[in-house]
Amino acid sequence: MIIDSQAVKNTCNASVDSKGFCFYKSTNGIKRHLAIDTLGFPLFTHCTPANVSDDAGLIEMFTLNIDYFKSKPVNIPKITILLDHGYHPKKFDSGVRADLSSDDDENQV
């Protein structure tokens, strides 16, 4: 699985709440987060305001689509995730683990 994001300018018709300013690319608009498989087929997409960090957008995208990973058969090999340098794997790991533990707590109640 390959993951990346892109900050793009938004149209004037978009609401102010959906926009943000990406200081890294000096772009006022949105950030598209995309996860594809190794053949280039899209698995997940997620849009955030451009001021959301790559790590936060990635965690949001994965928590919204966590059922995909929970429904995988147990006998498949581990899924390798390729990220560029804009992401921090330790933040991703701790964020997804926190969301998984909160989901487990909710299911037990």
C-alpha atoms as a PDB file:
ATOM      1  CA  MET A   1       0.000   0.000   0.000  1.00  0.00           C
ATOM      2  CA  ILE A   2       1.361   3.418  -0.979  1.00  0.00           C
ATOM      3  CA  ILE A   3       0.107   6.569   0.767  1.00  0.00           C
ATOM      4  CA  ASP A   4       0.623  10.234  -0.064  1.00  0.00           C
ATOM      5  CA  SER A   5      -1.156  13.560   0.205  1.00  0.00           C
ATOM      6  CA  GLN A   6      -1.478  16.631  -1.974  1.00  0.00           C
ATOM      7  CA  ALA A   7      -2.391  20.182  -0.990  1.00  0.00           C
ATOM      8  CA  VAL A   8      -4.481  21.819  -3.718  1.00  0.00           C
ATOM      9  CA  LYS A   9      -6.187  25.160  -4.168  1.00  0.00           C
ATOM     10  CA  ASN A  10      -9.906  25.149  -3.586  1.00  0.00           C
ATOM     11  CA  THR A  11     -12.626  26.862  -5.591  1.00  0.00           C
ATOM     12  CA  CYS A  12     -14.277  30.037  -4.373  1.00  0.00           C
ATOM     13  CA  ASN A  13     -17.539  28.099  -3.965  1.00  0.00           C
ATOM     14  CA  ALA A  14     -16.140  25.935  -1.148  1.00  0.00           C
ATOM     15  CA  SER A  15     -17.090  26.859   2.391  1.00  0.00           C
ATOM     16  CA  VAL A  16     -14.561  28.521   4.683  1.00  0.00           C
ATOM     17  CA  ASP A  17     -14.783  25.552   7.083  1.00  0.00           C
ATOM     18  CA  SER A  18     -13.495  23.159   4.425  1.00  0.00           C
ATOM     19  CA  LYS A  19     -10.411  25.249   3.616  1.00  0.00           C
ATOM     20  CA  GLY A  20      -7.107  25.692   5.382  1.00  0.00           C
ATOM     21  CA  PHE A  21      -3.652  27.099   4.685  1.00  0.00           C
ATOM     22  CA  CYS A  22      -0.760  24.688   4.130  1.00  0.00           C
ATOM     23  CA  PHE A  23       2.373  26.520   5.262  1.00  0.00           C
ATOM     24  CA  TYR A  24       4.655  23.898   3.716  1.00  0.00           C
ATOM     25  CA  LYS A  25       3.354  24.471   0.176  1.00  0.00           C
ATOM     26  CA  SER A  26       1.849  27.950   0.694  1.00  0.00           C
ATOM     27  CA  THR A  27      -1.512  26.729  -0.545  1.00  0.00           C
ATOM     28  CA  ASN A  28      -4.936  27.871   0.615  1.00  0.00           C
ATOM     29  CA  GLY A  29      -7.378  25.030   0.064  1.00  0.00           C
ATOM     30  CA  ILE A  30      -7.731  21.351   0.843  1.00  0.00           C
ATOM     31  CA  LYS A  31      -5.434  18.369   1.259  1.00  0.00           C
ATOM     32  CA  ARG A  32      -6.215  15.102  -0.497  1.00  0.00           C
ATOM     33  CA  HIS A  33      -4.971  11.919   1.162  1.00  0.00           C
ATOM     34  CA  LEU A  34      -4.797   8.857  -1.070  1.00  0.00           C
ATOM     35  CA  ALA A  35      -3.945   5.211  -0.399  1.00  0.00           C
ATOM     36  CA  ILE A  36      -3.355   2.948  -3.404  1.00  0.00           C
ATOM     37  CA  ASP A  37      -2.282  -0.638  -3.851  1.00  0.00           C
ATOM     38  CA  THR A  38       0.932  -1.608  -5.623  1.00  0.00           C
ATOM     39  CA  LEU A  39      -0.891  -1.791  -8.967  1.00  0.00           C
ATOM     40  CA  GLY A  40      -2.102   1.813  -8.633  1.00  0.00           C
ATOM     41  CA  PHE A  41      -5.724   1.062  -7.806  1.00  0.00           C
ATOM     42  CA  PRO A  42      -7.158   3.430  -5.166  1.00  0.00           C
ATOM     43  CA  LEU A  43      -8.070   1.898  -1.820  1.00  0.00           C
ATOM     44  CA  PHE A  44      -8.998   4.956   0.280  1.00  0.00           C
ATOM     45  CA  THR A  45      -9.329   8.697  -0.217  1.00  0.00           C
ATOM     46  CA  HIS A  46      -9.890  11.388   2.370  1.00  0.00           C
ATOM     47  CA  CYS A  47     -10.086  15.187   2.120  1.00  0.00           C
ATOM     48  CA  THR A  48      -9.157  17.574   4.928  1.00  0.00           C
ATOM     49  CA  PRO A  49      -8.468  21.291   5.193  1.00  0.00           C
ATOM     50  CA  ALA A  50      -4.920  22.007   3.996  1.00  0.00           C
ATOM     51  CA  ASN A  51      -3.770  23.016   7.484  1.00  0.00           C
ATOM     52  CA  VAL A  52      -4.254  19.435   8.783  1.00  0.00           C
ATOM     53  CA  SER A  53      -0.913  17.642   9.032  1.00  0.00           C
ATOM     54  CA  ASP A  54      -0.163  14.604   6.900  1.00  0.00           C
ATOM     55  CA  ASP A  55      -0.052  12.447  10.038  1.00  0.00           C
ATOM     56  CA  ALA A  56      -3.460  13.612  11.305  1.00  0.00           C
ATOM     57  CA  GLY A  57      -5.037  13.124   7.858  1.00  0.00           C
ATOM     58  CA  LEU A  58      -3.557   9.641   7.592  1.00  0.00           C
ATOM     59  CA  ILE A  59      -4.877   8.656  11.019  1.00  0.00           C
ATOM     60  CA  GLU A  60      -8.339  10.003  10.105  1.00  0.00           C
ATOM     61  CA  MET A  61      -8.307   8.105   6.809  1.00  0.00           C
ATOM     62  CA  PHE A  62      -7.329   4.836   8.481  1.00  0.00           C
ATOM     63  CA  THR A  63      -9.782   5.125  11.376  1.00  0.00           C
ATOM     64  CA  LEU A  64     -12.625   5.781   8.940  1.00  0.00           C
ATOM     65  CA  ASN A  65     -11.636   2.667   6.951  1.00  0.00           C
ATOM     66  CA  ILE A  66     -10.448   0.379   9.769  1.00  0.00           C
ATOM     67  CA  ASP A  67     -13.122  -2.203   8.899  1.00  0.00           C
ATOM     68  CA  TYR A  68     -11.179  -2.985   5.716  1.00  0.00           C
ATOM     69  CA  PHE A  69      -8.270  -4.257   7.798  1.00  0.00           C
ATOM     70  CA  LYS A  70     -10.440  -6.001  10.371  1.00  0.00           C
ATOM     71  CA  SER A  71     -12.222  -7.977   7.636  1.00  0.00           C
ATOM     72  CA  LYS A  72      -8.995  -9.295   6.078  1.00  0.00           C
ATOM     73  CA  PRO A  73      -8.409 -13.047   6.512  1.00  0.00           C
ATOM     74  CA  VAL A  74      -5.870 -13.945   9.171  1.00  0.00           C
ATOM     75  CA  ASN A  75      -3.720 -16.065   6.842  1.00  0.00           C
ATOM     76  CA  ILE A  76      -2.628 -13.218   4.537  1.00  0.00           C
ATOM     77  CA  PRO A  77       0.847 -11.771   5.035  1.00  0.00           C
ATOM     78  CA  LYS A  78       1.338  -8.433   6.737  1.00  0.00           C
ATOM     79  CA  ILE A  79       0.437  -5.350   4.741  1.00  0.00           C
ATOM     80  CA  THR A  80       3.431  -3.143   3.963  1.00  0.00           C
ATOM     81  CA  ILE A  81       2.693   0.586   3.996  1.00  0.00           C
ATOM     82  CA  LEU A  82       5.010   2.896   2.050  1.00  0.00           C
ATOM     83  CA  LEU A  83       5.096   6.552   3.180  1.00  0.00           C
ATOM     84  CA  ASP A  84       7.172   9.555   2.161  1.00  0.00           C
ATOM     85  CA  HIS A  85       9.109  11.763   4.585  1.00  0.00           C
ATOM     86  CA  GLY A  86       6.083  13.950   5.359  1.00  0.00           C
ATOM     87  CA  TYR A  87       4.736  11.205   7.621  1.00  0.00           C
ATOM     88  CA  HIS A  88       5.988  10.050  11.010  1.00  0.00           C
ATOM     89  CA  PRO A  89       5.387   6.300  11.516  1.00  0.00           C
ATOM     90  CA  LYS A  90       5.500   6.542  15.331  1.00  0.00           C
ATOM     91  CA  LYS A  91       2.672   9.129  15.356  1.00  0.00           C
ATOM     92  CA  PHE A  92       0.663   6.967  12.960  1.00  0.00           C
ATOM     93  CA  ASP A  93       1.218   3.847  15.051  1.00  0.00           C
ATOM     94  CA  SER A  94       0.233   5.489  18.332  1.00  0.00           C
ATOM     95  CA  GLY A  95      -2.774   7.254  16.773  1.00  0.00           C
ATOM     96  CA  VAL A  96      -4.214   4.128  15.165  1.00  0.00           C
ATOM     97  CA  ARG A  97      -3.576   2.048  18.300  1.00  0.00           C
ATOM     98  CA  ALA A  98      -5.409   4.651  20.401  1.00  0.00           C
ATOM     99  CA  ASP A  99      -8.385   4.579  18.023  1.00  0.00           C
ATOM    100  CA  LEU A 100      -8.422   0.772  17.999  1.00  0.00           C
ATOM    101  CA  SER A 101      -8.383   0.605  21.789  1.00  0.00           C
ATOM    102  CA  SER A 102     -11.245   3.132  22.024  1.00  0.00           C
ATOM    103  CA  ASP A 103     -13.249   1.052  19.523  1.00  0.00           C
ATOM    104  CA  ASP A 104     -12.661  -2.081  21.619  1.00  0.00           C
ATOM    105  CA  ASP A 105     -13.780  -0.240  24.768  1.00  0.00           C
ATOM    106  CA  GLU A 106     -16.995   0.890  23.052  1.00  0.00           C
ATOM    107  CA  ASN A 107     -17.756  -2.646  21.821  1.00  0.00           C
ATOM    108  CA  GLN A 108     -17.380  -4.118  25.315  1.00  0.00           C
ATOM    109  CA  VAL A 109     -19.940  -1.744  26.872  1.00  0.00           C
END
